[in-house]
Amino acid sequence: MPYTQDIVEELNILVRYNLSTTQEGIKVHKTAAPEIIAATRRLFDKGLITLEDGGYLTDLGHEAAEQAQTVLNLLTPS
């Protein structure tokens, strides 16, 4: 199954998290693009982040963000 645009947008949110600390989250403001707001809400609904507008990664979210960042690093030319 190929990536949908919704999945790509969710992955783009996940790769914004700093994985070197659990004390740093993100905040998606209500003035952000609608697709970013929607992707963040979907990640919250899936239990990957703590708040509808960002917050911190859950344990599952941390695992997903690690994998998303690994794939991005592998696919990004040096």
C-alpha atoms as a PDB file:
ATOM      1  CA  MET A   1       0.000   0.000   0.000  1.00  0.00           C
ATOM      2  CA  PRO A   2       1.531   3.377  -0.981  1.00  0.00           C
ATOM      3  CA  TYR A   3       1.730   6.367   1.342  1.00  0.00           C
ATOM      4  CA  THR A   4      -1.326   8.586   1.256  1.00  0.00           C
ATOM      5  CA  GLN A   5      -1.050  12.355   1.526  1.00  0.00           C
ATOM      6  CA  ASP A   6      -2.423  12.106   5.094  1.00  0.00           C
ATOM      7  CA  ILE A   7       0.365   9.678   6.060  1.00  0.00           C
ATOM      8  CA  VAL A   8       3.018  11.902   4.486  1.00  0.00           C
ATOM      9  CA  GLU A   9       1.706  14.882   6.451  1.00  0.00           C
ATOM     10  CA  GLU A  10       1.762  12.849   9.682  1.00  0.00           C
ATOM     11  CA  LEU A  11       5.323  11.711   8.985  1.00  0.00           C
ATOM     12  CA  ASN A  12       6.316  15.328   8.411  1.00  0.00           C
ATOM     13  CA  ILE A  13       5.022  16.168  11.894  1.00  0.00           C
ATOM     14  CA  LEU A  14       6.805  13.218  13.493  1.00  0.00           C
ATOM     15  CA  VAL A  15      10.189  14.152  12.018  1.00  0.00           C
ATOM     16  CA  ARG A  16       9.960  17.582  13.677  1.00  0.00           C
ATOM     17  CA  TYR A  17      10.329  16.070  17.147  1.00  0.00           C
ATOM     18  CA  ASN A  18      13.722  16.139  18.843  1.00  0.00           C
ATOM     19  CA  LEU A  19      14.359  12.529  19.830  1.00  0.00           C
ATOM     20  CA  SER A  20      17.357  13.304  22.014  1.00  0.00           C
ATOM     21  CA  THR A  21      15.084  14.496  24.844  1.00  0.00           C
ATOM     22  CA  THR A  22      11.624  13.690  26.162  1.00  0.00           C
ATOM     23  CA  GLN A  23      11.336  17.207  27.605  1.00  0.00           C
ATOM     24  CA  GLU A  24      10.843  18.950  24.271  1.00  0.00           C
ATOM     25  CA  GLY A  25       7.529  18.927  22.444  1.00  0.00           C
ATOM     26  CA  ILE A  26       5.990  20.899  19.617  1.00  0.00           C
ATOM     27  CA  LYS A  27       3.069  23.313  19.398  1.00  0.00           C
ATOM     28  CA  VAL A  28       0.967  23.625  16.264  1.00  0.00           C
ATOM     29  CA  HIS A  29      -0.730  26.996  16.312  1.00  0.00           C
ATOM     30  CA  LYS A  30      -4.273  27.529  15.069  1.00  0.00           C
ATOM     31  CA  THR A  31      -2.826  29.737  12.326  1.00  0.00           C
ATOM     32  CA  ALA A  32      -0.881  26.789  10.847  1.00  0.00           C
ATOM     33  CA  ALA A  33      -1.897  25.330   7.519  1.00  0.00           C
ATOM     34  CA  PRO A  34      -5.097  23.253   7.789  1.00  0.00           C
ATOM     35  CA  GLU A  35      -3.307  20.080   6.659  1.00  0.00           C
ATOM     36  CA  ILE A  36      -0.745  20.451   9.482  1.00  0.00           C
ATOM     37  CA  ILE A  37      -3.488  20.960  12.053  1.00  0.00           C
ATOM     38  CA  ALA A  38      -5.375  17.935  10.716  1.00  0.00           C
ATOM     39  CA  ALA A  39      -2.250  15.740  10.688  1.00  0.00           C
ATOM     40  CA  THR A  40      -1.482  16.678  14.285  1.00  0.00           C
ATOM     41  CA  ARG A  41      -5.018  15.833  15.366  1.00  0.00           C
ATOM     42  CA  ARG A  42      -4.783  12.451  13.624  1.00  0.00           C
ATOM     43  CA  LEU A  43      -1.525  11.689  15.442  1.00  0.00           C
ATOM     44  CA  PHE A  44      -3.253  12.543  18.724  1.00  0.00           C
ATOM     45  CA  ASP A  45      -6.225  10.324  17.832  1.00  0.00           C
ATOM     46  CA  LYS A  46      -3.791   7.486  17.087  1.00  0.00           C
ATOM     47  CA  GLY A  47      -2.158   7.898  20.492  1.00  0.00           C
ATOM     48  CA  LEU A  48       1.206   9.060  19.148  1.00  0.00           C
ATOM     49  CA  ILE A  49       1.235  12.522  20.759  1.00  0.00           C
ATOM     50  CA  THR A  50      -0.160  13.879  24.010  1.00  0.00           C
ATOM     51  CA  LEU A  51      -2.180  16.871  22.794  1.00  0.00           C
ATOM     52  CA  GLU A  52      -4.366  17.648  19.781  1.00  0.00           C
ATOM     53  CA  ASP A  53      -2.082  20.568  18.931  1.00  0.00           C
ATOM     54  CA  GLY A  54       1.214  18.775  19.468  1.00  0.00           C
ATOM     55  CA  GLY A  55       2.611  18.326  22.932  1.00  0.00           C
ATOM     56  CA  TYR A  56       4.978  15.458  23.579  1.00  0.00           C
ATOM     57  CA  LEU A  57       5.457  12.086  21.982  1.00  0.00           C
ATOM     58  CA  THR A  58       3.921   9.111  23.725  1.00  0.00           C
ATOM     59  CA  ASP A  59       6.025   5.945  23.979  1.00  0.00           C
ATOM     60  CA  LEU A  60       4.395   4.682  20.790  1.00  0.00           C
ATOM     61  CA  GLY A  61       4.889   8.081  19.181  1.00  0.00           C
ATOM     62  CA  HIS A  62       8.579   8.074  20.083  1.00  0.00           C
ATOM     63  CA  GLU A  63       8.983   4.705  18.389  1.00  0.00           C
ATOM     64  CA  ALA A  64       7.113   5.939  15.294  1.00  0.00           C
ATOM     65  CA  ALA A  65       9.154   9.161  15.175  1.00  0.00           C
ATOM     66  CA  GLU A  66      12.413   7.186  15.435  1.00  0.00           C
ATOM     67  CA  GLN A  67      11.396   5.023  12.514  1.00  0.00           C
ATOM     68  CA  ALA A  68      10.164   7.986  10.462  1.00  0.00           C
ATOM     69  CA  GLN A  69      13.414   9.850  11.054  1.00  0.00           C
ATOM     70  CA  THR A  70      15.477   6.773  10.190  1.00  0.00           C
ATOM     71  CA  VAL A  71      13.659   6.316   6.880  1.00  0.00           C
ATOM     72  CA  LEU A  72      14.044  10.026   6.088  1.00  0.00           C
ATOM     73  CA  ASN A  73      17.782   9.861   6.815  1.00  0.00           C
ATOM     74  CA  LEU A  74      18.175   6.796   4.605  1.00  0.00           C
ATOM     75  CA  LEU A  75      16.328   8.400   1.700  1.00  0.00           C
ATOM     76  CA  THR A  76      17.931  11.834   1.963  1.00  0.00           C
ATOM     77  CA  PRO A  77      21.070  12.181  -0.166  1.00  0.00           C
ATOM     78  CA  SER A  78      24.199  13.096   1.775  1.00  0.00           C
END
